Amino acid sequence: MMMKRPKLFLTVGLPCTGKTTAARRIEVEEEALRLTKDEWVKALYGHENPTSASDVIEGRLIQIGLRALELGNNVVIDYGLWGRDERSALRQAAADRGAAVELLYFELTPAEQRTRRDRRQAEAPHTTWPMSDEELAGWAAAIEIPTRGELDGSEPVDDPPAGFATWDEWREYRWPPSVEG
């Protein structure tokens, strides 16, 4: 019996662009383990969204996701993954485990993003945090939009950034194993 090659789905995009909705669909259609950071941060911290804890939660969920890939399961990581280095590290980690990768980029006009934000904050405030127009604009300026080659998988994974011998080393730096006290 031949095993199907597991797939890592990476959702990329700003808040309120449809990443979690797509991740939920992928979870069902692809029988994937869905790892949505915001759900964990909300469960553990409520109204708080501490950056240091967020990074640790992301890292722990990535460890779970990579183990699930090793076991032959599909995984969808629902974080945003604004940085190319983050995406490269995860693409390499999936390849190291024999998994395929599908990058999904979600983009909306700023007006539609604000409309969705307002609707979410009115209808389901327990699932989100307040986001100002200024924050949305700042985040839009900060995201590294995936290239066509990243999206279709034709572009090779970059080398790790200077100072890091491997993507595994960079991953541990980017997603620390614990919150510093």
N, C-alpha and C. Protein backbone atom coordinates (compact mmCIF):
# COMPACT_ATOMS: atom_id res chain seq x y z
N MET A 1 0.83 -1.18 0.00
CA MET A 1 0.00 0.00 0.00
C MET A 1 0.88 1.25 0.00
N MET A 2 0.62 2.16 -0.92
CA MET A 2 1.43 3.37 -1.04
C MET A 2 0.80 4.50 -0.22
N MET A 3 1.64 5.14 0.61
CA MET A 3 1.16 6.26 1.43
C MET A 3 1.16 7.53 0.60
N LYS A 4 0.16 8.35 0.83
CA LYS A 4 0.08 9.65 0.19
C LYS A 4 1.08 10.60 0.84
N ARG A 5 1.75 11.41 0.03
CA ARG A 5 2.70 12.40 0.54
C ARG A 5 1.93 13.48 1.29
N PRO A 6 2.30 13.74 2.55
CA PRO A 6 1.58 14.77 3.30
C PRO A 6 1.86 16.16 2.73
N LYS A 7 0.95 17.07 3.02
CA LYS A 7 1.08 18.43 2.51
C LYS A 7 0.96 19.43 3.65
N LEU A 8 1.83 20.43 3.61
CA LEU A 8 1.78 21.56 4.53
C LEU A 8 1.18 22.74 3.79
N PHE A 9 0.06 23.23 4.29
CA PHE A 9 -0.60 24.41 3.74
C PHE A 9 -0.21 25.60 4.61
N LEU A 10 0.28 26.65 3.97
CA LEU A 10 0.68 27.86 4.69
C LEU A 10 -0.22 29.02 4.25
N THR A 11 -0.95 29.60 5.21
CA THR A 11 -1.79 30.75 4.89
C THR A 11 -1.00 32.03 5.12
N VAL A 12 -0.99 32.88 4.12
CA VAL A 12 -0.22 34.11 4.15
C VAL A 12 -1.16 35.28 3.89
N GLY A 13 -1.12 36.26 4.77
CA GLY A 13 -1.94 37.44 4.55
C GLY A 13 -2.15 38.23 5.82
N LEU A 14 -2.71 39.40 5.64
CA LEU A 14 -3.00 40.31 6.74
C LEU A 14 -4.26 39.88 7.49
N PRO A 15 -4.53 40.48 8.64
CA PRO A 15 -5.76 40.17 9.37
C PRO A 15 -7.00 40.46 8.52
N CYS A 16 -8.01 39.65 8.72
CA CYS A 16 -9.33 39.86 8.11
C CYS A 16 -9.34 39.68 6.60
N THR A 17 -8.44 38.84 6.08
CA THR A 17 -8.41 38.61 4.64
C THR A 17 -8.93 37.23 4.24
N GLY A 18 -9.31 36.40 5.22
CA GLY A 18 -9.91 35.11 4.90
C GLY A 18 -9.05 33.90 5.18
N LYS A 19 -7.93 34.08 5.87
CA LYS A 19 -7.02 32.96 6.14
C LYS A 19 -7.67 31.87 6.98
N THR A 20 -8.31 32.25 8.07
CA THR A 20 -8.89 31.24 8.97
C THR A 20 -10.08 30.54 8.31
N THR A 21 -10.87 31.27 7.57
CA THR A 21 -11.99 30.65 6.85
C THR A 21 -11.45 29.60 5.89
N ALA A 22 -10.40 29.95 5.15
CA ALA A 22 -9.79 28.98 4.23
C ALA A 22 -9.17 27.81 4.99
N ALA A 23 -8.51 28.10 6.12
CA ALA A 23 -7.88 27.03 6.90
C ALA A 23 -8.94 26.04 7.40
N ARG A 24 -10.08 26.54 7.80
CA ARG A 24 -11.16 25.64 8.24
C ARG A 24 -11.66 24.76 7.08
N ARG A 25 -11.74 25.33 5.89
CA ARG A 25 -12.16 24.56 4.72
C ARG A 25 -11.11 23.50 4.40
N ILE A 26 -9.83 23.88 4.42
CA ILE A 26 -8.74 22.94 4.14
C ILE A 26 -8.73 21.82 5.17
N GLU A 27 -8.97 22.17 6.43
CA GLU A 27 -9.02 21.18 7.50
C GLU A 27 -9.98 20.04 7.14
N VAL A 28 -11.13 20.39 6.61
CA VAL A 28 -12.16 19.41 6.27
C VAL A 28 -11.84 18.73 4.94
N GLU A 29 -11.61 19.53 3.91
CA GLU A 29 -11.44 18.97 2.56
C GLU A 29 -10.17 18.14 2.41
N GLU A 30 -9.11 18.52 3.10
CA GLU A 30 -7.82 17.84 2.96
C GLU A 30 -7.48 16.97 4.17
N GLU A 31 -8.43 16.86 5.09
CA GLU A 31 -8.20 16.11 6.33
C GLU A 31 -6.88 16.55 6.98
N ALA A 32 -6.79 17.86 7.18
CA ALA A 32 -5.56 18.46 7.70
C ALA A 32 -5.72 18.87 9.15
N LEU A 33 -4.64 18.76 9.88
CA LEU A 33 -4.58 19.30 11.23
C LEU A 33 -4.48 20.81 11.09
N ARG A 34 -5.45 21.55 11.63
CA ARG A 34 -5.46 23.01 11.53
C ARG A 34 -4.84 23.59 12.79
N LEU A 35 -3.83 24.45 12.59
CA LEU A 35 -3.14 25.10 13.70
C LEU A 35 -3.31 26.61 13.55
N THR A 36 -4.27 27.14 14.29
CA THR A 36 -4.60 28.56 14.24
C THR A 36 -4.12 29.22 15.51
N LYS A 37 -3.05 30.01 15.38
CA LYS A 37 -2.41 30.63 16.54
C LYS A 37 -3.38 31.47 17.35
N ASP A 38 -4.18 32.30 16.69
CA ASP A 38 -5.05 33.22 17.42
C ASP A 38 -5.99 32.48 18.38
N GLU A 39 -6.46 31.32 18.01
CA GLU A 39 -7.34 30.56 18.90
C GLU A 39 -6.61 30.18 20.19
N TRP A 40 -5.35 29.81 20.07
CA TRP A 40 -4.56 29.44 21.25
C TRP A 40 -4.24 30.65 22.11
N VAL A 41 -3.85 31.76 21.47
CA VAL A 41 -3.54 32.97 22.23
C VAL A 41 -4.79 33.44 22.97
N LYS A 42 -5.94 33.43 22.29
CA LYS A 42 -7.19 33.84 22.93
C LYS A 42 -7.52 32.93 24.11
N ALA A 43 -7.36 31.62 23.93
CA ALA A 43 -7.67 30.67 25.00
C ALA A 43 -6.77 30.87 26.21
N LEU A 44 -5.52 31.19 25.98
CA LEU A 44 -4.56 31.32 27.07
C LEU A 44 -4.49 32.72 27.67
N TYR A 45 -4.73 33.75 26.86
CA TYR A 45 -4.49 35.12 27.32
C TYR A 45 -5.71 36.05 27.23
N GLY A 46 -6.82 35.57 26.70
CA GLY A 46 -8.02 36.39 26.64
C GLY A 46 -7.82 37.66 25.85
N HIS A 47 -7.97 38.80 26.51
CA HIS A 47 -7.88 40.10 25.83
C HIS A 47 -6.45 40.53 25.54
N GLU A 48 -5.49 39.85 26.13
CA GLU A 48 -4.08 40.17 25.91
C GLU A 48 -3.60 39.49 24.63
N ASN A 49 -2.58 40.04 24.02
CA ASN A 49 -1.95 39.43 22.85
C ASN A 49 -0.44 39.68 22.93
N PRO A 50 0.21 39.12 23.96
CA PRO A 50 1.63 39.40 24.16
C PRO A 50 2.50 38.80 23.06
N THR A 51 3.34 39.64 22.47
CA THR A 51 4.20 39.20 21.37
C THR A 51 5.08 38.02 21.77
N SER A 52 5.69 38.08 22.95
CA SER A 52 6.60 37.00 23.35
C SER A 52 5.87 35.67 23.46
N ALA A 53 4.67 35.68 24.00
CA ALA A 53 3.89 34.45 24.11
C ALA A 53 3.40 34.00 22.74
N SER A 54 3.04 34.94 21.91
CA SER A 54 2.57 34.63 20.57
C SER A 54 3.64 33.88 19.78
N ASP A 55 4.88 34.36 19.86
CA ASP A 55 5.98 33.70 19.15
C ASP A 55 6.21 32.28 19.66
N VAL A 56 6.12 32.10 20.97
CA VAL A 56 6.31 30.77 21.56
C VAL A 56 5.18 29.84 21.14
N ILE A 57 3.95 30.34 21.18
CA ILE A 57 2.80 29.51 20.76
C ILE A 57 2.96 29.12 19.30
N GLU A 58 3.33 30.07 18.45
CA GLU A 58 3.56 29.73 17.04
C GLU A 58 4.59 28.61 16.94
N GLY A 59 5.70 28.75 17.65
CA GLY A 59 6.76 27.74 17.59
C GLY A 59 6.30 26.37 18.05
N ARG A 60 5.55 26.35 19.13
CA ARG A 60 5.05 25.06 19.64
C ARG A 60 4.09 24.41 18.64
N LEU A 61 3.22 25.23 18.05
CA LEU A 61 2.30 24.69 17.05
C LEU A 61 3.04 24.21 15.81
N ILE A 62 4.11 24.91 15.44
CA ILE A 62 4.93 24.44 14.32
C ILE A 62 5.55 23.09 14.64
N GLN A 63 6.05 22.92 15.86
CA GLN A 63 6.61 21.61 16.25
C GLN A 63 5.55 20.51 16.11
N ILE A 64 4.34 20.79 16.56
CA ILE A 64 3.25 19.82 16.44
C ILE A 64 2.97 19.54 14.97
N GLY A 65 2.90 20.61 14.17
CA GLY A 65 2.63 20.45 12.75
C GLY A 65 3.69 19.64 12.03
N LEU A 66 4.96 19.88 12.36
CA LEU A 66 6.03 19.13 11.72
C LEU A 66 5.98 17.66 12.11
N ARG A 67 5.65 17.40 13.35
CA ARG A 67 5.52 15.99 13.78
C ARG A 67 4.35 15.32 13.06
N ALA A 68 3.26 16.06 12.89
CA ALA A 68 2.11 15.50 12.16
C ALA A 68 2.50 15.18 10.72
N LEU A 69 3.30 16.04 10.09
CA LEU A 69 3.78 15.74 8.73
C LEU A 69 4.61 14.46 8.72
N GLU A 70 5.49 14.31 9.71
CA GLU A 70 6.31 13.09 9.81
C GLU A 70 5.45 11.85 9.91
N LEU A 71 4.28 11.99 10.53
CA LEU A 71 3.36 10.87 10.71
C LEU A 71 2.45 10.67 9.49
N GLY A 72 2.64 11.51 8.47
CA GLY A 72 1.88 11.35 7.24
C GLY A 72 0.59 12.14 7.16
N ASN A 73 0.41 13.10 8.06
CA ASN A 73 -0.82 13.89 8.08
C ASN A 73 -0.63 15.24 7.40
N ASN A 74 -1.68 15.70 6.75
CA ASN A 74 -1.69 17.06 6.20
C ASN A 74 -1.82 18.05 7.35
N VAL A 75 -1.26 19.25 7.15
CA VAL A 75 -1.28 20.29 8.19
C VAL A 75 -1.55 21.63 7.51
N VAL A 76 -2.37 22.46 8.17
CA VAL A 76 -2.55 23.83 7.71
C VAL A 76 -2.15 24.77 8.85
N ILE A 77 -1.18 25.64 8.56
CA ILE A 77 -0.72 26.63 9.54
C ILE A 77 -1.36 27.96 9.18
N ASP A 78 -2.12 28.47 10.14
CA ASP A 78 -2.95 29.66 9.95
C ASP A 78 -2.42 30.78 10.84
N TYR A 79 -1.37 31.49 10.34
CA TYR A 79 -0.72 32.53 11.13
C TYR A 79 -0.66 33.88 10.45
N GLY A 80 -0.51 33.93 9.18
CA GLY A 80 -0.23 35.18 8.47
C GLY A 80 1.09 35.10 7.74
N LEU A 81 2.12 34.65 8.44
CA LEU A 81 3.44 34.40 7.85
C LEU A 81 3.87 35.53 6.91
N TRP A 82 3.99 36.73 7.49
CA TRP A 82 4.29 37.93 6.72
C TRP A 82 5.69 37.97 6.17
N GLY A 83 6.64 37.27 6.81
CA GLY A 83 8.03 37.34 6.39
C GLY A 83 8.43 36.19 5.48
N ARG A 84 9.20 36.52 4.46
CA ARG A 84 9.70 35.50 3.55
C ARG A 84 10.55 34.48 4.31
N ASP A 85 11.35 34.94 5.29
CA ASP A 85 12.17 34.00 6.06
C ASP A 85 11.31 32.97 6.78
N GLU A 86 10.18 33.41 7.34
CA GLU A 86 9.27 32.46 8.00
C GLU A 86 8.79 31.40 7.01
N ARG A 87 8.39 31.86 5.85
CA ARG A 87 7.88 30.93 4.84
C ARG A 87 8.98 30.01 4.33
N SER A 88 10.18 30.56 4.14
CA SER A 88 11.31 29.72 3.68
C SER A 88 11.65 28.66 4.72
N ALA A 89 11.67 29.05 5.99
CA ALA A 89 11.99 28.08 7.05
C ALA A 89 10.97 26.96 7.08
N LEU A 90 9.71 27.28 6.90
CA LEU A 90 8.67 26.25 6.93
C LEU A 90 8.65 25.42 5.65
N ARG A 91 8.92 26.04 4.53
CA ARG A 91 9.02 25.27 3.27
C ARG A 91 10.16 24.26 3.38
N GLN A 92 11.30 24.69 3.95
CA GLN A 92 12.44 23.78 4.09
C GLN A 92 12.13 22.67 5.09
N ALA A 93 11.50 23.02 6.20
CA ALA A 93 11.16 22.01 7.21
C ALA A 93 10.23 20.96 6.62
N ALA A 94 9.27 21.39 5.81
CA ALA A 94 8.36 20.43 5.18
C ALA A 94 9.13 19.54 4.20
N ALA A 95 9.99 20.13 3.40
CA ALA A 95 10.78 19.36 2.44
C ALA A 95 11.66 18.34 3.16
N ASP A 96 12.24 18.75 4.29
CA ASP A 96 13.08 17.84 5.08
C ASP A 96 12.30 16.64 5.57
N ARG A 97 11.00 16.77 5.66
CA ARG A 97 10.14 15.69 6.14
C ARG A 97 9.40 14.99 5.00
N GLY A 98 9.78 15.31 3.78
CA GLY A 98 9.18 14.66 2.62
C GLY A 98 7.78 15.14 2.30
N ALA A 99 7.41 16.30 2.80
CA ALA A 99 6.06 16.83 2.58
C ALA A 99 6.05 17.86 1.45
N ALA A 100 4.95 17.94 0.79
CA ALA A 100 4.71 18.99 -0.20
C ALA A 100 4.26 20.25 0.54
N VAL A 101 4.35 21.38 -0.13
CA VAL A 101 3.93 22.65 0.46
C VAL A 101 3.02 23.37 -0.52
N GLU A 102 1.95 23.94 0.03
CA GLU A 102 1.09 24.82 -0.76
C GLU A 102 0.95 26.13 -0.01
N LEU A 103 1.43 27.19 -0.62
CA LEU A 103 1.34 28.53 -0.06
C LEU A 103 0.08 29.19 -0.61
N LEU A 104 -0.73 29.74 0.28
CA LEU A 104 -1.97 30.41 -0.10
C LEU A 104 -1.92 31.85 0.37
N TYR A 105 -1.96 32.78 -0.58
CA TYR A 105 -1.87 34.20 -0.24
C TYR A 105 -3.25 34.84 -0.34
N PHE A 106 -3.62 35.57 0.72
CA PHE A 106 -4.92 36.22 0.81
C PHE A 106 -4.72 37.72 0.82
N GLU A 107 -5.41 38.40 -0.09
CA GLU A 107 -5.25 39.84 -0.22
C GLU A 107 -6.61 40.47 -0.49
N LEU A 108 -6.87 41.58 0.15
CA LEU A 108 -8.09 42.36 -0.06
C LEU A 108 -7.72 43.83 -0.16
N THR A 109 -8.64 44.60 -0.68
CA THR A 109 -8.43 46.04 -0.64
C THR A 109 -8.50 46.48 0.81
N PRO A 110 -7.83 47.59 1.15
CA PRO A 110 -7.92 48.09 2.53
C PRO A 110 -9.37 48.34 2.97
N ALA A 111 -10.21 48.82 2.08
CA ALA A 111 -11.61 49.08 2.43
C ALA A 111 -12.33 47.79 2.80
N GLU A 112 -12.14 46.73 2.03
CA GLU A 112 -12.79 45.45 2.33
C GLU A 112 -12.23 44.85 3.62
N GLN A 113 -10.94 45.01 3.83
CA GLN A 113 -10.33 44.51 5.06
C GLN A 113 -10.94 45.22 6.27
N ARG A 114 -11.10 46.53 6.21
CA ARG A 114 -11.71 47.28 7.32
C ARG A 114 -13.17 46.86 7.53
N THR A 115 -13.89 46.62 6.44
CA THR A 115 -15.28 46.16 6.54
C THR A 115 -15.35 44.83 7.27
N ARG A 116 -14.48 43.91 6.90
CA ARG A 116 -14.45 42.60 7.56
C ARG A 116 -14.03 42.73 9.03
N ARG A 117 -13.05 43.60 9.29
CA ARG A 117 -12.62 43.83 10.68
C ARG A 117 -13.78 44.34 11.50
N ASP A 118 -14.50 45.33 10.98
CA ASP A 118 -15.63 45.92 11.71
C ASP A 118 -16.72 44.88 11.96
N ARG A 119 -16.99 44.04 10.96
CA ARG A 119 -18.01 43.00 11.10
C ARG A 119 -17.58 41.98 12.16
N ARG A 120 -16.32 41.57 12.11
CA ARG A 120 -15.82 40.59 13.08
C ARG A 120 -15.88 41.17 14.50
N GLN A 121 -15.47 42.42 14.66
CA GLN A 121 -15.48 43.01 16.00
C GLN A 121 -16.90 43.21 16.52
N ALA A 122 -17.87 43.40 15.62
CA ALA A 122 -19.26 43.57 16.03
C ALA A 122 -19.93 42.22 16.32
N GLU A 123 -19.65 41.22 15.49
CA GLU A 123 -20.35 39.93 15.58
C GLU A 123 -19.64 38.89 16.44
N ALA A 124 -18.32 38.95 16.51
CA ALA A 124 -17.57 37.91 17.26
C ALA A 124 -16.35 38.52 17.93
N PRO A 125 -16.56 39.49 18.82
CA PRO A 125 -15.41 40.16 19.44
C PRO A 125 -14.53 39.21 20.25
N HIS A 126 -15.08 38.09 20.70
CA HIS A 126 -14.31 37.13 21.49
C HIS A 126 -13.26 36.38 20.65
N THR A 127 -13.33 36.53 19.32
CA THR A 127 -12.39 35.82 18.45
C THR A 127 -11.26 36.71 17.94
N THR A 128 -11.26 37.97 18.33
CA THR A 128 -10.30 38.91 17.75
C THR A 128 -9.84 39.94 18.78
N TRP A 129 -8.96 40.79 18.36
CA TRP A 129 -8.50 41.91 19.16
C TRP A 129 -8.82 43.18 18.39
N PRO A 130 -8.95 44.30 19.10
CA PRO A 130 -9.16 45.57 18.39
C PRO A 130 -7.98 45.86 17.47
N MET A 131 -8.29 46.38 16.28
CA MET A 131 -7.26 46.75 15.30
C MET A 131 -7.65 48.10 14.72
N SER A 132 -6.77 49.07 14.85
CA SER A 132 -7.05 50.40 14.31
C SER A 132 -6.71 50.45 12.82
N ASP A 133 -7.24 51.47 12.16
CA ASP A 133 -6.89 51.68 10.75
C ASP A 133 -5.39 51.90 10.60
N GLU A 134 -4.79 52.59 11.58
CA GLU A 134 -3.35 52.84 11.52
C GLU A 134 -2.56 51.54 11.64
N GLU A 135 -3.01 50.64 12.52
CA GLU A 135 -2.33 49.34 12.63
C GLU A 135 -2.46 48.56 11.33
N LEU A 136 -3.65 48.52 10.76
CA LEU A 136 -3.84 47.80 9.49
C LEU A 136 -2.91 48.36 8.41
N ALA A 137 -2.81 49.67 8.33
CA ALA A 137 -1.93 50.30 7.33
C ALA A 137 -0.46 49.97 7.61
N GLY A 138 -0.07 49.99 8.87
CA GLY A 138 1.31 49.65 9.22
C GLY A 138 1.65 48.21 8.89
N TRP A 139 0.72 47.32 9.16
CA TRP A 139 0.94 45.91 8.85
C TRP A 139 1.01 45.69 7.34
N ALA A 140 0.17 46.42 6.59
CA ALA A 140 0.20 46.30 5.13
C ALA A 140 1.57 46.73 4.58
N ALA A 141 2.18 47.72 5.22
CA ALA A 141 3.50 48.17 4.79
C ALA A 141 4.61 47.18 5.19
N ALA A 142 4.34 46.35 6.20
CA ALA A 142 5.36 45.44 6.73
C ALA A 142 5.39 44.07 6.06
N ILE A 143 4.29 43.64 5.48
CA ILE A 143 4.24 42.28 4.93
C ILE A 143 5.13 42.16 3.70
N GLU A 144 5.82 41.03 3.60
CA GLU A 144 6.57 40.70 2.40
C GLU A 144 5.68 39.80 1.56
N ILE A 145 5.13 40.37 0.51
CA ILE A 145 4.18 39.63 -0.32
C ILE A 145 4.92 38.49 -1.02
N PRO A 146 4.34 37.29 -0.99
CA PRO A 146 5.02 36.15 -1.63
C PRO A 146 5.19 36.37 -3.13
N THR A 147 6.28 35.87 -3.64
CA THR A 147 6.52 35.93 -5.08
C THR A 147 5.71 34.85 -5.78
N ARG A 148 5.58 34.99 -7.07
CA ARG A 148 4.88 33.97 -7.87
C ARG A 148 5.58 32.61 -7.69
N GLY A 149 6.92 32.62 -7.64
CA GLY A 149 7.67 31.39 -7.47
C GLY A 149 7.46 30.73 -6.11
N GLU A 150 7.29 31.55 -5.07
CA GLU A 150 6.94 30.98 -3.75
C GLU A 150 5.57 30.32 -3.83
N LEU A 151 4.63 31.02 -4.46
CA LEU A 151 3.25 30.53 -4.51
C LEU A 151 3.10 29.26 -5.33
N ASP A 152 3.81 29.17 -6.45
CA ASP A 152 3.64 27.97 -7.28
C ASP A 152 4.69 26.89 -6.99
N GLY A 153 5.62 27.19 -6.04
CA GLY A 153 6.60 26.19 -5.63
C GLY A 153 7.78 26.07 -6.57
N SER A 154 7.87 26.92 -7.59
CA SER A 154 8.96 26.80 -8.56
C SER A 154 10.25 27.46 -8.08
N GLU A 155 10.14 28.33 -7.11
CA GLU A 155 11.30 29.05 -6.60
C GLU A 155 11.96 28.26 -5.48
N PRO A 156 13.26 27.99 -5.58
CA PRO A 156 13.91 27.24 -4.50
C PRO A 156 13.90 28.03 -3.19
N VAL A 157 13.99 27.30 -2.11
CA VAL A 157 14.05 27.92 -0.79
C VAL A 157 15.37 28.67 -0.67
N ASP A 158 15.29 29.88 -0.14
CA ASP A 158 16.49 30.70 0.07
C ASP A 158 17.42 30.02 1.07
N ASP A 159 18.68 30.47 1.08
CA ASP A 159 19.60 30.08 2.15
C ASP A 159 19.16 30.78 3.43
N PRO A 160 19.49 30.21 4.59
CA PRO A 160 19.16 30.90 5.85
C PRO A 160 19.84 32.26 5.92
N PRO A 161 19.29 33.18 6.70
CA PRO A 161 19.91 34.50 6.85
C PRO A 161 21.32 34.39 7.44
N ALA A 162 22.09 35.43 7.21
CA ALA A 162 23.45 35.49 7.76
C ALA A 162 23.42 35.25 9.26
N GLY A 163 24.37 34.46 9.74
CA GLY A 163 24.46 34.15 11.16
C GLY A 163 23.77 32.84 11.53
N PHE A 164 23.10 32.22 10.57
CA PHE A 164 22.41 30.96 10.84
C PHE A 164 22.88 29.91 9.83
N ALA A 165 23.35 28.78 10.35
CA ALA A 165 23.86 27.72 9.48
C ALA A 165 22.73 26.96 8.80
N THR A 166 21.59 26.84 9.48
CA THR A 166 20.47 26.05 8.95
C THR A 166 19.15 26.78 9.21
N TRP A 167 18.14 26.38 8.47
CA TRP A 167 16.80 26.91 8.73
C TRP A 167 16.27 26.41 10.07
N ASP A 168 16.66 25.22 10.49
CA ASP A 168 16.24 24.71 11.81
C ASP A 168 16.75 25.65 12.90
N GLU A 169 18.00 26.10 12.79
CA GLU A 169 18.58 27.02 13.76
C GLU A 169 17.81 28.35 13.75
N TRP A 170 17.51 28.85 12.57
CA TRP A 170 16.76 30.11 12.46
C TRP A 170 15.36 29.95 13.05
N ARG A 171 14.73 28.81 12.77
CA ARG A 171 13.38 28.57 13.29
C ARG A 171 13.36 28.64 14.81
N GLU A 172 14.34 28.05 15.46
CA GLU A 172 14.38 28.08 16.92
C GLU A 172 14.60 29.50 17.43
N TYR A 173 15.37 30.29 16.69
CA TYR A 173 15.58 31.69 17.06
C TYR A 173 14.28 32.49 16.88
N ARG A 174 13.63 32.31 15.74
CA ARG A 174 12.41 33.08 15.43
C ARG A 174 11.25 32.68 16.34
N TRP A 175 11.14 31.41 16.60
CA TRP A 175 10.05 30.88 17.43
C TRP A 175 10.68 30.24 18.67
N PRO A 176 10.99 31.03 19.69
CA PRO A 176 11.71 30.53 20.87
C PRO A 176 10.92 29.44 21.60
N PRO A 177 11.65 28.56 22.29
CA PRO A 177 10.99 27.44 22.97
C PRO A 177 10.23 27.83 24.24
N SER A 178 10.51 29.02 24.76
CA SER A 178 9.80 29.43 26.00
C SER A 178 9.75 30.95 26.07
N VAL A 179 8.84 31.44 26.90
CA VAL A 179 8.73 32.86 27.13
C VAL A 179 9.81 33.24 28.14
N GLU A 180 10.60 34.24 27.79
CA GLU A 180 11.65 34.69 28.71
C GLU A 180 11.00 35.43 29.87
N GLY A 181 11.42 35.12 31.09
CA GLY A 181 10.81 35.70 32.27
C GLY A 181 11.41 36.88 32.76
